[in-house]
Amino acid sequence: MAYDWDGKRTRRLQMLRFMGALAIPALLFGSAIAALEWTDTDNPAVRTARLR
């Protein structure tokens, strides 16, 4: 592979690494929120199911 005189490939790889580093915590945080909502027992649908 020829040397990248402009450094474009290096900058692109750095940006991909940076976006990946941001995406992983965002996915984990979103999953945690979804799990809390999924296990929420104060939901009206859960209360209705308990009364039946």
PDB file of N, CA and C in Angstrom:
ATOM      1  N   MET A   1       0.844  -1.184   0.000  1.00  0.00           N
ATOM      2  CA  MET A   1       0.000   0.000   0.000  1.00  0.00           C
ATOM      3  C   MET A   1       0.886   1.242   0.000  1.00  0.00           C
ATOM      4  N   ALA A   2       0.546   2.226  -0.783  1.00  0.00           N
ATOM      5  CA  ALA A   2       1.327   3.458  -0.880  1.00  0.00           C
ATOM      6  C   ALA A   2       1.135   4.304   0.369  1.00  0.00           C
ATOM      7  N   TYR A   3       2.141   5.092   0.670  1.00  0.00           N
ATOM      8  CA  TYR A   3       2.065   5.971   1.826  1.00  0.00           C
ATOM      9  C   TYR A   3       0.988   7.026   1.612  1.00  0.00           C
ATOM     10  N   ASP A   4       0.200   7.275   2.637  1.00  0.00           N
ATOM     11  CA  ASP A   4      -0.894   8.250   2.558  1.00  0.00           C
ATOM     12  C   ASP A   4      -0.349   9.637   2.915  1.00  0.00           C
ATOM     13  N   TRP A   5       0.025  10.400   1.902  1.00  0.00           N
ATOM     14  CA  TRP A   5       0.644  11.695   2.147  1.00  0.00           C
ATOM     15  C   TRP A   5      -0.314  12.682   2.794  1.00  0.00           C
ATOM     16  N   ASP A   6      -1.576  12.612   2.482  1.00  0.00           N
ATOM     17  CA  ASP A   6      -2.541  13.561   3.048  1.00  0.00           C
ATOM     18  C   ASP A   6      -3.012  13.151   4.429  1.00  0.00           C
ATOM     19  N   GLY A   7      -2.837  11.913   4.795  1.00  0.00           N
ATOM     20  CA  GLY A   7      -3.288  11.454   6.095  1.00  0.00           C
ATOM     21  C   GLY A   7      -4.784  11.213   6.148  1.00  0.00           C
ATOM     22  N   LYS A   8      -5.428  11.129   4.996  1.00  0.00           N
ATOM     23  CA  LYS A   8      -6.884  10.963   4.978  1.00  0.00           C
ATOM     24  C   LYS A   8      -7.305   9.620   5.557  1.00  0.00           C
ATOM     25  N   ARG A   9      -6.556   8.572   5.221  1.00  0.00           N
ATOM     26  CA  ARG A   9      -6.917   7.238   5.722  1.00  0.00           C
ATOM     27  C   ARG A   9      -6.764   7.187   7.242  1.00  0.00           C
ATOM     28  N   THR A  10      -5.714   7.807   7.743  1.00  0.00           N
ATOM     29  CA  THR A  10      -5.482   7.823   9.185  1.00  0.00           C
ATOM     30  C   THR A  10      -6.601   8.578   9.896  1.00  0.00           C
ATOM     31  N   ARG A  11      -6.985   9.724   9.371  1.00  0.00           N
ATOM     32  CA  ARG A  11      -8.060  10.506   9.993  1.00  0.00           C
ATOM     33  C   ARG A  11      -9.379   9.746   9.955  1.00  0.00           C
ATOM     34  N   ARG A  12      -9.622   9.045   8.841  1.00  0.00           N
ATOM     35  CA  ARG A  12     -10.858   8.275   8.713  1.00  0.00           C
ATOM     36  C   ARG A  12     -10.899   7.157   9.756  1.00  0.00           C
ATOM     37  N   LEU A  13      -9.794   6.463   9.947  1.00  0.00           N
ATOM     38  CA  LEU A  13      -9.741   5.392  10.933  1.00  0.00           C
ATOM     39  C   LEU A  13      -9.895   5.938  12.347  1.00  0.00           C
ATOM     40  N   GLN A  14      -9.298   7.096  12.616  1.00  0.00           N
ATOM     41  CA  GLN A  14      -9.451   7.711  13.933  1.00  0.00           C
ATOM     42  C   GLN A  14     -10.907   8.094  14.178  1.00  0.00           C
ATOM     43  N   MET A  15     -11.583   8.607  13.159  1.00  0.00           N
ATOM     44  CA  MET A  15     -12.986   8.981  13.304  1.00  0.00           C
ATOM     45  C   MET A  15     -13.852   7.748  13.526  1.00  0.00           C
ATOM     46  N   LEU A  16     -13.557   6.651  12.812  1.00  0.00           N
ATOM     47  CA  LEU A  16     -14.313   5.416  13.020  1.00  0.00           C
ATOM     48  C   LEU A  16     -14.122   4.877  14.428  1.00  0.00           C
ATOM     49  N   ARG A  17     -12.892   4.926  14.923  1.00  0.00           N
ATOM     50  CA  ARG A  17     -12.635   4.477  16.290  1.00  0.00           C
ATOM     51  C   ARG A  17     -13.382   5.346  17.302  1.00  0.00           C
ATOM     52  N   PHE A  18     -13.372   6.656  17.069  1.00  0.00           N
ATOM     53  CA  PHE A  18     -14.052   7.586  17.975  1.00  0.00           C
ATOM     54  C   PHE A  18     -15.559   7.338  17.981  1.00  0.00           C
ATOM     55  N   MET A  19     -16.150   7.158  16.802  1.00  0.00           N
ATOM     56  CA  MET A  19     -17.587   6.907  16.729  1.00  0.00           C
ATOM     57  C   MET A  19     -17.938   5.566  17.370  1.00  0.00           C
ATOM     58  N   GLY A  20     -17.092   4.570  17.189  1.00  0.00           N
ATOM     59  CA  GLY A  20     -17.310   3.280  17.831  1.00  0.00           C
ATOM     60  C   GLY A  20     -17.228   3.388  19.339  1.00  0.00           C
ATOM     61  N   ALA A  21     -16.293   4.196  19.827  1.00  0.00           N
ATOM     62  CA  ALA A  21     -16.160   4.382  21.268  1.00  0.00           C
ATOM     63  C   ALA A  21     -17.390   5.093  21.838  1.00  0.00           C
ATOM     64  N   LEU A  22     -18.022   5.950  21.070  1.00  0.00           N
ATOM     65  CA  LEU A  22     -19.240   6.622  21.530  1.00  0.00           C
ATOM     66  C   LEU A  22     -20.465   5.716  21.415  1.00  0.00           C
ATOM     67  N   ALA A  23     -20.481   4.868  20.397  1.00  0.00           N
ATOM     68  CA  ALA A  23     -21.658   4.041  20.138  1.00  0.00           C
ATOM     69  C   ALA A  23     -21.830   2.934  21.176  1.00  0.00           C
ATOM     70  N   ILE A  24     -20.750   2.348  21.642  1.00  0.00           N
ATOM     71  CA  ILE A  24     -20.864   1.230  22.587  1.00  0.00           C
ATOM     72  C   ILE A  24     -21.527   1.657  23.892  1.00  0.00           C
ATOM     73  N   PRO A  25     -21.088   2.735  24.555  1.00  0.00           N
ATOM     74  CA  PRO A  25     -21.799   3.153  25.778  1.00  0.00           C
ATOM     75  C   PRO A  25     -23.239   3.576  25.515  1.00  0.00           C
ATOM     76  N   ALA A  26     -23.499   4.178  24.357  1.00  0.00           N
ATOM     77  CA  ALA A  26     -24.867   4.585  24.037  1.00  0.00           C
ATOM     78  C   ALA A  26     -25.773   3.360  23.908  1.00  0.00           C
ATOM     79  N   LEU A  27     -25.272   2.305  23.269  1.00  0.00           N
ATOM     80  CA  LEU A  27     -26.061   1.075  23.149  1.00  0.00           C
ATOM     81  C   LEU A  27     -26.292   0.427  24.511  1.00  0.00           C
ATOM     82  N   LEU A  28     -25.266   0.405  25.345  1.00  0.00           N
ATOM     83  CA  LEU A  28     -25.419  -0.182  26.677  1.00  0.00           C
ATOM     84  C   LEU A  28     -26.411   0.609  27.523  1.00  0.00           C
ATOM     85  N   PHE A  29     -26.337   1.934  27.439  1.00  0.00           N
ATOM     86  CA  PHE A  29     -27.251   2.783  28.201  1.00  0.00           C
ATOM     87  C   PHE A  29     -28.684   2.603  27.710  1.00  0.00           C
ATOM     88  N   GLY A  30     -28.849   2.536  26.397  1.00  0.00           N
ATOM     89  CA  GLY A  30     -30.185   2.314  25.834  1.00  0.00           C
ATOM     90  C   GLY A  30     -30.741   0.962  26.233  1.00  0.00           C
ATOM     91  N   SER A  31     -29.895  -0.043  26.275  1.00  0.00           N
ATOM     92  CA  SER A  31     -30.341  -1.368  26.689  1.00  0.00           C
ATOM     93  C   SER A  31     -30.748  -1.375  28.156  1.00  0.00           C
ATOM     94  N   ALA A  32     -30.018  -0.655  28.978  1.00  0.00           N
ATOM     95  CA  ALA A  32     -30.359  -0.581  30.399  1.00  0.00           C
ATOM     96  C   ALA A  32     -31.703   0.107  30.600  1.00  0.00           C
ATOM     97  N   ILE A  33     -31.950   1.170  29.870  1.00  0.00           N
ATOM     98  CA  ILE A  33     -33.238   1.873  29.978  1.00  0.00           C
ATOM     99  C   ILE A  33     -34.366   0.971  29.493  1.00  0.00           C
ATOM    100  N   ALA A  34     -34.140   0.266  28.393  1.00  0.00           N
ATOM    101  CA  ALA A  34     -35.166  -0.642  27.872  1.00  0.00           C
ATOM    102  C   ALA A  34     -35.468  -1.755  28.874  1.00  0.00           C
ATOM    103  N   ALA A  35     -34.441  -2.264  29.533  1.00  0.00           N
ATOM    104  CA  ALA A  35     -34.653  -3.322  30.524  1.00  0.00           C
ATOM    105  C   ALA A  35     -35.449  -2.796  31.707  1.00  0.00           C
ATOM    106  N   LEU A  36     -35.172  -1.565  32.132  1.00  0.00           N
ATOM    107  CA  LEU A  36     -35.942  -0.980  33.232  1.00  0.00           C
ATOM    108  C   LEU A  36     -37.405  -0.793  32.848  1.00  0.00           C
ATOM    109  N   GLU A  37     -37.647  -0.337  31.632  1.00  0.00           N
ATOM    110  CA  GLU A  37     -39.027  -0.162  31.188  1.00  0.00           C
ATOM    111  C   GLU A  37     -39.726  -1.506  31.027  1.00  0.00           C
ATOM    112  N   TRP A  38     -39.001  -2.504  30.590  1.00  0.00           N
ATOM    113  CA  TRP A  38     -39.578  -3.823  30.372  1.00  0.00           C
ATOM    114  C   TRP A  38     -39.963  -4.483  31.692  1.00  0.00           C
ATOM    115  N   THR A  39     -39.167  -4.220  32.743  1.00  0.00           N
ATOM    116  CA  THR A  39     -39.435  -4.828  34.048  1.00  0.00           C
ATOM    117  C   THR A  39     -40.244  -3.908  34.958  1.00  0.00           C
ATOM    118  N   ASP A  40     -40.721  -2.807  34.446  1.00  0.00           N
ATOM    119  CA  ASP A  40     -41.503  -1.853  35.241  1.00  0.00           C
ATOM    120  C   ASP A  40     -42.832  -2.487  35.642  1.00  0.00           C
ATOM    121  N   THR A  41     -43.077  -2.598  36.956  1.00  0.00           N
ATOM    122  CA  THR A  41     -44.306  -3.228  37.440  1.00  0.00           C
ATOM    123  C   THR A  41     -45.401  -2.216  37.745  1.00  0.00           C
ATOM    124  N   ASP A  42     -45.107  -0.924  37.610  1.00  0.00           N
ATOM    125  CA  ASP A  42     -46.132   0.092  37.845  1.00  0.00           C
ATOM    126  C   ASP A  42     -46.874   0.455  36.569  1.00  0.00           C
ATOM    127  N   ASN A  43     -46.648  -0.289  35.547  1.00  0.00           N
ATOM    128  CA  ASN A  43     -47.286  -0.062  34.257  1.00  0.00           C
ATOM    129  C   ASN A  43     -48.782  -0.398  34.372  1.00  0.00           C
ATOM    130  N   PRO A  44     -49.693   0.389  33.787  1.00  0.00           N
ATOM    131  CA  PRO A  44     -51.127   0.092  33.872  1.00  0.00           C
ATOM    132  C   PRO A  44     -51.499  -1.288  33.323  1.00  0.00           C
ATOM    133  N   ALA A  45     -50.805  -1.747  32.290  1.00  0.00           N
ATOM    134  CA  ALA A  45     -51.112  -3.064  31.727  1.00  0.00           C
ATOM    135  C   ALA A  45     -50.798  -4.167  32.737  1.00  0.00           C
ATOM    136  N   VAL A  46     -49.739  -3.987  33.504  1.00  0.00           N
ATOM    137  CA  VAL A  46     -49.377  -4.992  34.509  1.00  0.00           C
ATOM    138  C   VAL A  46     -50.404  -4.974  35.639  1.00  0.00           C
ATOM    139  N   ARG A  47     -50.849  -3.782  36.037  1.00  0.00           N
ATOM    140  CA  ARG A  47     -51.856  -3.690  37.100  1.00  0.00           C
ATOM    141  C   ARG A  47     -53.168  -4.343  36.663  1.00  0.00           C
ATOM    142  N   THR A  48     -53.554  -4.156  35.405  1.00  0.00           N
ATOM    143  CA  THR A  48     -54.778  -4.759  34.893  1.00  0.00           C
ATOM    144  C   THR A  48     -54.667  -6.279  34.879  1.00  0.00           C
ATOM    145  N   ALA A  49     -53.529  -6.786  34.489  1.00  0.00           N
ATOM    146  CA  ALA A  49     -53.339  -8.233  34.453  1.00  0.00           C
ATOM    147  C   ALA A  49     -53.366  -8.830  35.856  1.00  0.00           C
ATOM    148  N   ARG A  50     -52.901  -8.094  36.850  1.00  0.00           N
ATOM    149  CA  ARG A  50     -52.904  -8.599  38.224  1.00  0.00           C
ATOM    150  C   ARG A  50     -54.318  -8.656  38.791  1.00  0.00           C
ATOM    151  N   LEU A  51     -55.162  -7.715  38.385  1.00  0.00           N
ATOM    152  CA  LEU A  51     -56.520  -7.668  38.929  1.00  0.00           C
ATOM    153  C   LEU A  51     -57.376  -8.809  38.400  1.00  0.00           C
ATOM    154  N   ARG A  52     -57.077  -9.305  37.233  1.00  0.00           N
ATOM    155  CA  ARG A  52     -57.901 -10.357  36.617  1.00  0.00           C
ATOM    156  C   ARG A  52     -57.711 -11.676  37.263  1.00  0.00           C
TER     157      ARG A  52
END
